[in-house]
Amino acid sequence: MVMNLKRMTWAWVAVLLLGVTVVGAGCTADTETPAPPAPVAETISPLKAYTLTQNNQRNPYFAIIDVRTAAEFTEEHIEG
């Protein structure tokens, strides 16, 4: 019984050390790849949408999401 208890204790120590190693390895920072900027939501005019789109053509993290209804879109939108 005492031998099994010692063996079990060492097994748990090994499992805990492995867990700490795995968690620690997952927390290392990758300094070469910057994190994308936090998303920003705001209401903008069609002119501002056009300007932002033109100024961010090469920005992979830039997106405009149009959430208007069909009626709102018909009222005012950028052609094309």
Protein backbone atom coordinates (compact mmCIF):
# COMPACT_ATOMS: atom_id res chain seq x y z
CA MET A 1 0.00 0.00 0.00
CA VAL A 2 2.81 2.43 0.89
CA MET A 3 4.63 1.62 -2.36
CA ASN A 4 1.48 2.31 -4.40
CA LEU A 5 0.97 5.62 -2.58
CA LYS A 6 4.53 6.71 -3.39
CA ARG A 7 4.13 5.64 -6.99
CA MET A 8 0.81 7.51 -7.26
CA THR A 9 2.35 10.63 -5.72
CA TRP A 10 5.19 10.62 -8.24
CA ALA A 11 2.74 10.02 -11.06
CA TRP A 12 0.72 13.08 -10.01
CA VAL A 13 3.88 15.16 -9.72
CA ALA A 14 4.84 14.11 -13.26
CA VAL A 15 1.36 14.98 -14.57
CA LEU A 16 1.43 18.38 -12.88
CA LEU A 17 4.90 19.18 -14.24
CA LEU A 18 3.80 18.17 -17.72
CA GLY A 19 0.70 20.37 -17.40
CA VAL A 20 2.74 23.36 -16.25
CA THR A 21 5.16 22.84 -19.13
CA VAL A 22 2.37 22.66 -21.71
CA VAL A 23 0.57 25.72 -20.33
CA GLY A 24 3.82 27.66 -20.08
CA ALA A 25 4.76 26.81 -23.66
CA GLY A 26 1.38 28.03 -24.89
CA CYS A 27 1.85 31.40 -23.18
CA THR A 28 4.98 32.44 -25.04
CA ALA A 29 4.56 35.58 -27.13
CA ASP A 30 5.21 35.61 -30.85
CA THR A 31 7.08 38.87 -31.31
CA GLU A 32 7.14 38.69 -35.12
CA THR A 33 3.36 38.71 -35.71
CA PRO A 34 1.59 41.77 -34.27
CA ALA A 35 -1.95 41.33 -33.02
CA PRO A 36 -4.64 42.87 -35.22
CA PRO A 37 -6.15 46.08 -33.90
CA ALA A 38 -9.34 45.88 -31.86
CA PRO A 39 -12.50 46.23 -33.93
CA VAL A 40 -14.20 49.61 -33.92
CA ALA A 41 -17.90 50.04 -34.69
CA GLU A 42 -19.35 53.39 -35.67
CA THR A 43 -22.01 54.85 -37.92
CA ILE A 44 -20.48 56.56 -40.94
CA SER A 45 -21.70 58.42 -44.03
CA PRO A 46 -21.35 56.95 -47.51
CA LEU A 47 -18.64 59.52 -48.26
CA LYS A 48 -16.65 58.49 -45.18
CA ALA A 49 -17.10 54.80 -46.10
CA TYR A 50 -15.72 55.51 -49.57
CA THR A 51 -12.75 57.46 -48.16
CA LEU A 52 -11.96 54.78 -45.57
CA THR A 53 -12.16 52.07 -48.22
CA GLN A 54 -9.78 53.95 -50.51
CA ASN A 55 -7.30 54.63 -47.69
CA ASN A 56 -7.29 51.02 -46.42
CA GLN A 57 -7.14 48.97 -49.64
CA ARG A 58 -3.99 47.16 -48.48
CA ASN A 59 -4.96 46.78 -44.81
CA PRO A 60 -5.88 43.10 -44.17
CA TYR A 61 -7.58 43.97 -40.87
CA PHE A 62 -9.92 46.61 -42.30
CA ALA A 63 -13.59 45.85 -43.01
CA ILE A 64 -16.79 47.79 -43.36
CA ILE A 65 -19.95 45.85 -42.57
CA ASP A 66 -23.16 47.38 -43.89
CA VAL A 67 -26.00 46.41 -41.54
CA ARG A 68 -28.72 48.61 -43.02
CA THR A 69 -32.06 47.32 -44.20
CA ALA A 70 -32.79 47.19 -47.93
CA ALA A 71 -34.89 50.36 -47.62
CA GLU A 72 -32.07 52.21 -45.85
CA PHE A 73 -29.62 51.05 -48.52
CA THR A 74 -31.92 52.30 -51.29
CA GLU A 75 -32.05 55.74 -49.66
CA GLU A 76 -28.31 56.30 -49.79
CA HIS A 77 -25.34 54.16 -50.84
CA ILE A 78 -22.11 54.24 -52.81
CA GLU A 79 -22.65 53.20 -56.42
CA GLY A 80 -21.00 49.93 -57.39
